[in-house]
PDB file of N, CA and C in Angstrom:
ATOM      1  N   UNK A   1      54.923  21.052 107.558  1.00  0.00           N
ATOM      2  CA  UNK A   1      54.434  20.950 108.776  1.00  0.00           C
ATOM      3  C   UNK A   1      54.930  21.796 109.902  1.00  0.00           C
ATOM      4  N   UNK A   2      54.364  22.624 110.541  1.00  0.00           N
ATOM      5  CA  UNK A   2      55.218  23.706 111.838  1.00  0.00           C
ATOM      6  C   UNK A   2      54.382  23.002 113.563  1.00  0.00           C
ATOM      7  N   UNK A   3      55.580  22.929 114.087  1.00  0.00           N
ATOM      8  CA  UNK A   3      55.199  22.623 115.007  1.00  0.00           C
ATOM      9  C   UNK A   3      55.798  23.809 116.297  1.00  0.00           C
ATOM     10  N   UNK A   4      55.241  24.122 116.920  1.00  0.00           N
ATOM     11  CA  UNK A   4      55.782  24.974 118.479  1.00  0.00           C
ATOM     12  C   UNK A   4      56.205  24.329 119.477  1.00  0.00           C
ATOM     13  N   UNK A   5      56.529  25.126 120.081  1.00  0.00           N
ATOM     14  CA  UNK A   5      56.125  24.286 121.948  1.00  0.00           C
ATOM     15  C   UNK A   5      57.300  25.571 123.221  1.00  0.00           C
ATOM     16  N   UNK A   6      57.032  24.944 124.223  1.00  0.00           N
ATOM     17  CA  UNK A   6      58.024  25.603 124.857  1.00  0.00           C
ATOM     18  C   UNK A   6      57.080  26.595 125.669  1.00  0.00           C
ATOM     19  N   UNK A   7      57.511  27.374 126.960  1.00  0.00           N
ATOM     20  CA  UNK A   7      56.465  28.457 127.516  1.00  0.00           C
ATOM     21  C   UNK A   7      56.118  29.826 127.297  1.00  0.00           C
ATOM     22  N   UNK A   8      57.384  29.689 125.738  1.00  0.00           N
ATOM     23  CA  UNK A   8      56.760  31.118 124.918  1.00  0.00           C
ATOM     24  C   UNK A   8      55.925  30.757 124.449  1.00  0.00           C
ATOM     25  N   UNK A   9      55.148  29.654 124.043  1.00  0.00           N
ATOM     26  CA  UNK A   9      54.104  29.546 122.826  1.00  0.00           C
ATOM     27  C   UNK A   9      52.888  28.897 123.482  1.00  0.00           C
ATOM     28  N   UNK A  10      52.013  29.446 122.627  1.00  0.00           N
ATOM     29  CA  UNK A  10      50.371  28.860 123.218  1.00  0.00           C
ATOM     30  C   UNK A  10      49.513  28.303 122.537  1.00  0.00           C
ATOM     31  N   UNK A  11      48.551  27.138 122.641  1.00  0.00           N
ATOM     32  CA  UNK A  11      47.554  26.920 121.289  1.00  0.00           C
ATOM     33  C   UNK A  11      47.183  27.746 120.785  1.00  0.00           C
ATOM     34  N   UNK A  12      47.012  29.008 121.631  1.00  0.00           N
ATOM     35  CA  UNK A  12      45.984  29.602 120.683  1.00  0.00           C
ATOM     36  C   UNK A  12      46.691  30.722 119.720  1.00  0.00           C
ATOM     37  N   UNK A  13      48.247  30.877 120.463  1.00  0.00           N
ATOM     38  CA  UNK A  13      48.958  31.482 119.327  1.00  0.00           C
ATOM     39  C   UNK A  13      49.368  30.818 118.003  1.00  0.00           C
ATOM     40  N   UNK A  14      49.429  28.868 118.801  1.00  0.00           N
ATOM     41  CA  UNK A  14      49.831  28.456 117.345  1.00  0.00           C
ATOM     42  C   UNK A  14      48.921  28.285 116.528  1.00  0.00           C
ATOM     43  N   UNK A  15      47.673  28.564 116.880  1.00  0.00           N
ATOM     44  CA  UNK A  15      46.339  28.342 116.216  1.00  0.00           C
ATOM     45  C   UNK A  15      46.442  29.596 115.293  1.00  0.00           C
ATOM     46  N   UNK A  16      46.244  30.751 115.611  1.00  0.00           N
ATOM     47  CA  UNK A  16      46.469  31.957 115.139  1.00  0.00           C
ATOM     48  C   UNK A  16      47.554  32.526 113.579  1.00  0.00           C
ATOM     49  N   UNK A  17      48.496  31.453 113.678  1.00  0.00           N
ATOM     50  CA  UNK A  17      49.807  31.557 113.205  1.00  0.00           C
ATOM     51  C   UNK A  17      49.423  30.547 112.226  1.00  0.00           C
ATOM     52  N   UNK A  18      48.194  29.461 112.205  1.00  0.00           N
ATOM     53  CA  UNK A  18      48.182  28.734 111.327  1.00  0.00           C
ATOM     54  C   UNK A  18      49.420  27.495 112.054  1.00  0.00           C
ATOM     55  N   UNK A  19      50.143  27.207 112.468  1.00  0.00           N
ATOM     56  CA  UNK A  19      51.067  26.039 112.856  1.00  0.00           C
ATOM     57  C   UNK A  19      49.933  24.546 113.117  1.00  0.00           C
ATOM     58  N   UNK A  20      50.893  23.791 112.870  1.00  0.00           N
ATOM     59  CA  UNK A  20      50.236  22.294 112.849  1.00  0.00           C
ATOM     60  C   UNK A  20      50.141  21.529 114.091  1.00  0.00           C
ATOM     61  N   UNK A  21      51.172  22.386 115.071  1.00  0.00           N
ATOM     62  CA  UNK A  21      50.785  21.781 116.637  1.00  0.00           C
ATOM     63  C   UNK A  21      51.332  22.100 117.754  1.00  0.00           C
ATOM     64  N   UNK A  22      51.171  22.014 118.628  1.00  0.00           N
ATOM     65  CA  UNK A  22      51.985  22.730 120.215  1.00  0.00           C
ATOM     66  C   UNK A  22      51.832  21.687 120.848  1.00  0.00           C
ATOM     67  N   UNK A  23      53.076  21.972 121.442  1.00  0.00           N
ATOM     68  CA  UNK A  23      53.497  21.085 122.720  1.00  0.00           C
ATOM     69  C   UNK A  23      54.189  21.595 123.762  1.00  0.00           C
ATOM     70  N   UNK A  24      53.508  21.747 124.965  1.00  0.00           N
ATOM     71  CA  UNK A  24      53.649  22.428 126.093  1.00  0.00           C
ATOM     72  C   UNK A  24      55.283  22.060 126.972  1.00  0.00           C
ATOM     73  N   UNK A  25      55.682  21.072 126.456  1.00  0.00           N
ATOM     74  CA  UNK A  25      56.888  20.330 127.295  1.00  0.00           C
ATOM     75  C   UNK A  25      57.956  19.317 125.553  1.00  0.00           C
ATOM     76  N   UNK A  26      58.835  19.368 126.224  1.00  0.00           N
ATOM     77  CA  UNK A  26      59.571  18.716 125.080  1.00  0.00           C
ATOM     78  C   UNK A  26      59.768  16.880 125.289  1.00  0.00           C
ATOM     79  N   UNK A  27      59.245  16.896 126.582  1.00  0.00           N
ATOM     80  CA  UNK A  27      58.598  15.376 126.414  1.00  0.00           C
ATOM     81  C   UNK A  27      57.610  15.221 125.637  1.00  0.00           C
ATOM     82  N   UNK A  28      56.570  15.656 125.497  1.00  0.00           N
ATOM     83  CA  UNK A  28      54.992  15.426 124.839  1.00  0.00           C
ATOM     84  C   UNK A  28      55.651  15.558 123.472  1.00  0.00           C
ATOM     85  N   UNK A  29      56.285  16.130 122.876  1.00  0.00           N
ATOM     86  CA  UNK A  29      56.785  16.822 121.672  1.00  0.00           C
ATOM     87  C   UNK A  29      56.568  14.907 120.452  1.00  0.00           C
ATOM     88  N   UNK A  30      57.216  13.687 121.035  1.00  0.00           N
ATOM     89  CA  UNK A  30      57.456  12.842 120.426  1.00  0.00           C
ATOM     90  C   UNK A  30      56.264  12.298 119.995  1.00  0.00           C
ATOM     91  N   UNK A  31      55.097  12.130 120.835  1.00  0.00           N
ATOM     92  CA  UNK A  31      53.723  11.965 120.872  1.00  0.00           C
ATOM     93  C   UNK A  31      53.083  12.451 120.031  1.00  0.00           C
ATOM     94  N   UNK A  32      53.067  13.758 119.819  1.00  0.00           N
ATOM     95  CA  UNK A  32      52.302  14.951 118.778  1.00  0.00           C
ATOM     96  C   UNK A  32      52.929  14.778 117.865  1.00  0.00           C
ATOM     97  N   UNK A  33      54.197  14.546 117.583  1.00  0.00           N
ATOM     98  CA  UNK A  33      54.897  14.857 116.137  1.00  0.00           C
ATOM     99  C   UNK A  33      54.265  13.266 115.164  1.00  0.00           C
ATOM    100  N   UNK A  34      54.600  12.245 115.912  1.00  0.00           N
ATOM    101  CA  UNK A  34      53.707  10.991 115.384  1.00  0.00           C
ATOM    102  C   UNK A  34      52.308  10.901 115.508  1.00  0.00           C
ATOM    103  N   UNK A  35      51.482  11.229 116.216  1.00  0.00           N
ATOM    104  CA  UNK A  35      49.932  11.948 115.842  1.00  0.00           C
ATOM    105  C   UNK A  35      49.886  12.607 114.766  1.00  0.00           C
ATOM    106  N   UNK A  36      50.519  13.951 114.711  1.00  0.00           N
ATOM    107  CA  UNK A  36      50.854  14.299 113.519  1.00  0.00           C
ATOM    108  C   UNK A  36      50.519  13.515 112.189  1.00  0.00           C
ATOM    109  N   UNK A  37      52.069  13.185 112.093  1.00  0.00           N
ATOM    110  CA  UNK A  37      52.421  11.947 110.899  1.00  0.00           C
ATOM    111  C   UNK A  37      51.245  11.006 110.383  1.00  0.00           C
ATOM    112  N   UNK A  38      50.585  10.280 111.855  1.00  0.00           N
ATOM    113  CA  UNK A  38      49.612   9.484 111.387  1.00  0.00           C
ATOM    114  C   UNK A  38      48.342  10.024 110.261  1.00  0.00           C
ATOM    115  N   UNK A  39      47.877  11.362 111.279  1.00  0.00           N
ATOM    116  CA  UNK A  39      47.069  11.553 110.594  1.00  0.00           C
ATOM    117  C   UNK A  39      47.284  12.599 108.812  1.00  0.00           C
ATOM    118  N   UNK A  40      48.927  12.999 108.883  1.00  0.00           N
ATOM    119  CA  UNK A  40      48.995  13.232 107.096  1.00  0.00           C
ATOM    120  C   UNK A  40      48.725  11.872 106.340  1.00  0.00           C
ATOM    121  N   UNK A  41      49.272  11.045 106.930  1.00  0.00           N
ATOM    122  CA  UNK A  41      49.097   9.186 106.300  1.00  0.00           C
ATOM    123  C   UNK A  41      48.182   9.219 106.159  1.00  0.00           C
ATOM    124  N   UNK A  42      46.931   8.967 106.740  1.00  0.00           N
ATOM    125  CA  UNK A  42      45.642   8.758 106.572  1.00  0.00           C
ATOM    126  C   UNK A  42      45.067   9.950 105.380  1.00  0.00           C
ATOM    127  N   UNK A  43      45.284  11.101 105.408  1.00  0.00           N
ATOM    128  CA  UNK A  43      44.866  11.480 104.230  1.00  0.00           C
ATOM    129  C   UNK A  43      45.593  11.458 103.078  1.00  0.00           C
ATOM    130  N   UNK A  44      46.671  11.037 103.328  1.00  0.00           N
ATOM    131  CA  UNK A  44      47.242  10.304 101.999  1.00  0.00           C
ATOM    132  C   UNK A  44      48.215  12.017 100.725  1.00  0.00           C
ATOM    133  N   UNK A  45      48.577  12.390 102.426  1.00  0.00           N
ATOM    134  CA  UNK A  45      49.611  13.152 101.656  1.00  0.00           C
ATOM    135  C   UNK A  45      51.168  13.289 102.207  1.00  0.00           C
TER     136      UNK A  45
END
């Protein structure tokens, strides 16, 4: 799982390089990780 964030990154860039998630700030990252992990569990991986 590749997650990127902060001012140097954009969602467009993360999509282009095949990242799994992007967070604009550190305060959003926990929710993003929880969401990504839940989606992964639902897919059975």
